[in-house]
Amino acid sequence: MSRFSPFSRPPSKSSRPRYAQPVAEVLSRTDAFAPLRAGVEQMASMRRDLQALLPDYLATSVEPGFIKDGQLALFAAHNALAARLRHLEPRLVADLRARGWPVDSVRIRVRPQSVQDPKPPKQARMSPAGAAALIALSEDLPPSPLQEALAKMAARHVRKR
């Protein structure tokens, strides 16, 4: 039994499955993308250098921008990271210059990451049999904080029903 419909053509030998390809490979196919390819390569190189120069907690939350008139734009995930980057700015500029980047100063911007929807509060549900078992257990225990907590929990779930 064939997996192809009898009315469809079988796949030709020249057709090959499509796979994800690196951006650099796609951009290198034509000269029309040469400026874009150069920018992508520069950003990738800058990201590698920043990850090597910055502490781990900063490197994962900082994105490099372009260098314009000797000023490098860096985008931080939030204000606290931006403040920490401002403290590291003189050393970072010196280290980037030592690596060959034409950087005279750094401009730090905050680019908040997308806000995730807050998780709904947990609402545990207990069956009537479970609540009855908790009540029975709390009545069998001697007076203690555990006995009080079980009685409160059982009462809360009995009230909901």
Protein backbone atom coordinates (compact mmCIF):
# COMPACT_ATOMS: atom_id res chain seq x y z
CA MET A 1 0.00 0.00 0.00
CA SER A 2 1.42 3.38 -1.00
CA ARG A 3 1.26 6.41 1.21
CA PHE A 4 0.61 8.54 -1.86
CA SER A 5 -2.74 8.94 -3.52
CA PRO A 6 -2.96 7.11 -6.86
CA PHE A 7 -3.78 10.46 -8.46
CA SER A 8 -0.71 12.27 -7.18
CA ARG A 9 2.73 12.13 -8.67
CA PRO A 10 5.44 10.37 -6.69
CA PRO A 11 8.10 12.72 -5.33
CA SER A 12 10.87 13.38 -7.81
CA LYS A 13 14.49 12.70 -6.99
CA SER A 14 15.34 16.38 -7.38
CA SER A 15 12.85 17.48 -4.74
CA ARG A 16 14.35 17.30 -1.30
CA PRO A 17 12.83 18.01 2.08
CA ARG A 18 13.22 21.53 3.38
CA TYR A 19 15.25 22.02 6.52
CA ALA A 20 16.00 25.07 8.61
CA GLN A 21 19.08 26.83 7.31
CA PRO A 22 21.47 29.25 8.97
CA VAL A 23 20.74 32.90 8.24
CA ALA A 24 24.28 33.47 6.98
CA GLU A 25 23.83 30.71 4.37
CA VAL A 26 20.55 32.12 3.10
CA LEU A 27 21.96 35.66 2.92
CA SER A 28 25.08 34.51 1.07
CA ARG A 29 23.11 33.21 -1.92
CA THR A 30 22.88 36.61 -3.61
CA ASP A 31 24.81 39.88 -3.57
CA ALA A 32 21.61 41.84 -2.95
CA PHE A 33 21.80 40.77 0.69
CA ALA A 34 25.48 41.66 1.15
CA PRO A 35 24.86 44.74 3.37
CA LEU A 36 22.34 42.83 5.47
CA ARG A 37 24.73 39.88 5.75
CA ALA A 38 27.51 42.18 6.96
CA GLY A 39 25.20 43.64 9.61
CA VAL A 40 24.11 40.19 10.79
CA GLU A 41 27.71 39.02 11.04
CA GLN A 42 28.69 42.18 12.95
CA MET A 43 25.82 41.71 15.42
CA ALA A 44 26.73 38.04 15.96
CA SER A 45 30.37 38.95 16.55
CA MET A 46 29.41 41.75 18.95
CA ARG A 47 27.09 39.39 20.86
CA ARG A 48 29.92 36.83 21.24
CA ASP A 49 32.30 39.51 22.53
CA LEU A 50 29.73 40.89 24.97
CA GLN A 51 29.05 37.41 26.33
CA ALA A 52 32.76 36.95 26.90
CA LEU A 53 33.18 40.35 28.60
CA LEU A 54 30.03 40.61 30.73
CA PRO A 55 29.13 38.54 33.80
CA ASP A 56 26.71 35.68 33.09
CA TYR A 57 23.68 37.36 34.64
CA LEU A 58 24.18 40.40 32.38
CA ALA A 59 25.23 38.62 29.20
CA THR A 60 21.96 36.71 28.93
CA SER A 61 19.81 39.83 29.37
CA VAL A 62 21.68 42.35 27.20
CA GLU A 63 21.26 42.71 23.44
CA PRO A 64 23.72 44.69 21.32
CA GLY A 65 22.55 47.32 18.87
CA PHE A 66 24.47 49.01 16.08
CA ILE A 67 27.50 51.23 16.43
CA LYS A 68 26.79 54.73 15.17
CA ASP A 69 29.37 57.53 15.37
CA GLY A 70 31.42 55.53 17.87
CA GLN A 71 28.46 54.98 20.17
CA LEU A 72 27.30 51.41 20.82
CA ALA A 73 23.65 50.92 21.71
CA LEU A 74 22.99 48.23 24.30
CA PHE A 75 19.49 47.10 25.22
CA ALA A 76 18.92 45.83 28.76
CA ALA A 77 15.91 43.80 29.85
CA HIS A 78 15.06 46.06 32.81
CA ASN A 79 16.22 49.10 34.79
CA ALA A 80 18.30 47.22 37.34
CA LEU A 81 20.41 45.65 34.61
CA ALA A 82 20.75 49.01 32.87
CA ALA A 83 22.04 50.57 36.10
CA ARG A 84 24.58 47.77 36.52
CA LEU A 85 25.70 48.22 32.90
CA ARG A 86 26.25 51.93 33.51
CA HIS A 87 28.66 51.02 36.31
CA LEU A 88 30.57 48.71 33.97
CA GLU A 89 30.57 51.14 31.03
CA PRO A 90 34.17 52.47 31.28
CA ARG A 91 35.66 48.99 31.56
CA LEU A 92 33.38 47.65 28.83
CA VAL A 93 34.37 50.42 26.39
CA ALA A 94 38.07 49.78 27.07
CA ASP A 95 37.66 46.02 26.61
CA LEU A 96 35.70 46.42 23.37
CA ARG A 97 38.31 48.82 22.00
CA ALA A 98 41.01 46.28 22.89
CA ARG A 99 39.09 43.72 20.80
CA GLY A 100 39.08 46.08 17.82
CA TRP A 101 35.60 47.60 18.02
CA PRO A 102 35.38 51.34 17.13
CA VAL A 103 33.52 52.21 20.33
CA ASP A 104 33.96 55.51 22.18
CA SER A 105 30.89 55.30 24.39
CA VAL A 106 27.92 53.11 25.21
CA ARG A 107 24.29 54.16 25.12
CA ILE A 108 22.21 51.97 27.39
CA ARG A 109 18.51 51.64 26.72
CA VAL A 110 15.87 49.61 28.49
CA ARG A 111 13.89 47.33 26.21
CA PRO A 112 11.39 45.50 28.37
CA GLN A 113 10.67 41.96 27.40
CA SER A 114 7.11 40.98 26.62
CA VAL A 115 4.96 40.73 29.71
CA GLN A 116 3.65 37.29 30.39
CA ASP A 117 0.13 36.81 31.62
CA PRO A 118 0.08 36.24 35.37
CA LYS A 119 -0.70 32.71 36.39
CA PRO A 120 -4.18 32.29 37.84
CA PRO A 121 -4.27 31.60 41.58
CA LYS A 122 -4.27 27.93 42.42
CA GLN A 123 -7.68 26.62 43.29
CA ALA A 124 -7.46 23.20 44.86
CA ARG A 125 -10.61 21.13 44.86
CA MET A 126 -11.30 18.36 47.29
CA SER A 127 -13.99 15.73 46.97
CA PRO A 128 -16.60 15.44 49.73
CA ALA A 129 -15.05 12.11 50.71
CA GLY A 130 -11.63 13.75 51.09
CA ALA A 131 -13.07 16.56 53.21
CA ALA A 132 -14.89 14.02 55.40
CA ALA A 133 -11.65 12.06 55.85
CA LEU A 134 -9.84 15.26 56.91
CA ILE A 135 -12.58 16.05 59.42
CA ALA A 136 -12.36 12.53 60.86
CA LEU A 137 -8.57 12.76 61.06
CA SER A 138 -8.65 16.17 62.76
CA GLU A 139 -11.14 14.86 65.33
CA ASP A 140 -8.90 11.86 66.13
CA LEU A 141 -5.76 13.97 66.69
CA PRO A 142 -4.94 15.53 70.06
CA PRO A 143 -5.08 19.35 70.17
CA SER A 144 -2.06 20.66 68.23
CA PRO A 145 -1.22 23.06 65.40
CA LEU A 146 -1.57 20.15 62.94
CA GLN A 147 -5.04 19.32 64.25
CA GLU A 148 -6.11 22.99 63.91
CA ALA A 149 -4.70 23.25 60.36
CA LEU A 150 -6.49 20.06 59.24
CA ALA A 151 -9.77 21.21 60.76
CA LYS A 152 -9.46 24.61 59.00
CA MET A 153 -8.65 23.01 55.65
CA ALA A 154 -11.54 20.55 55.94
CA ALA A 155 -13.96 23.33 56.91
CA ARG A 156 -12.86 25.46 53.95
CA HIS A 157 -13.54 22.63 51.49
CA VAL A 158 -16.84 21.65 53.10
CA ARG A 159 -18.06 25.28 52.84
CA LYS A 160 -17.33 25.43 49.10
CA ARG A 161 -19.67 22.56 48.32
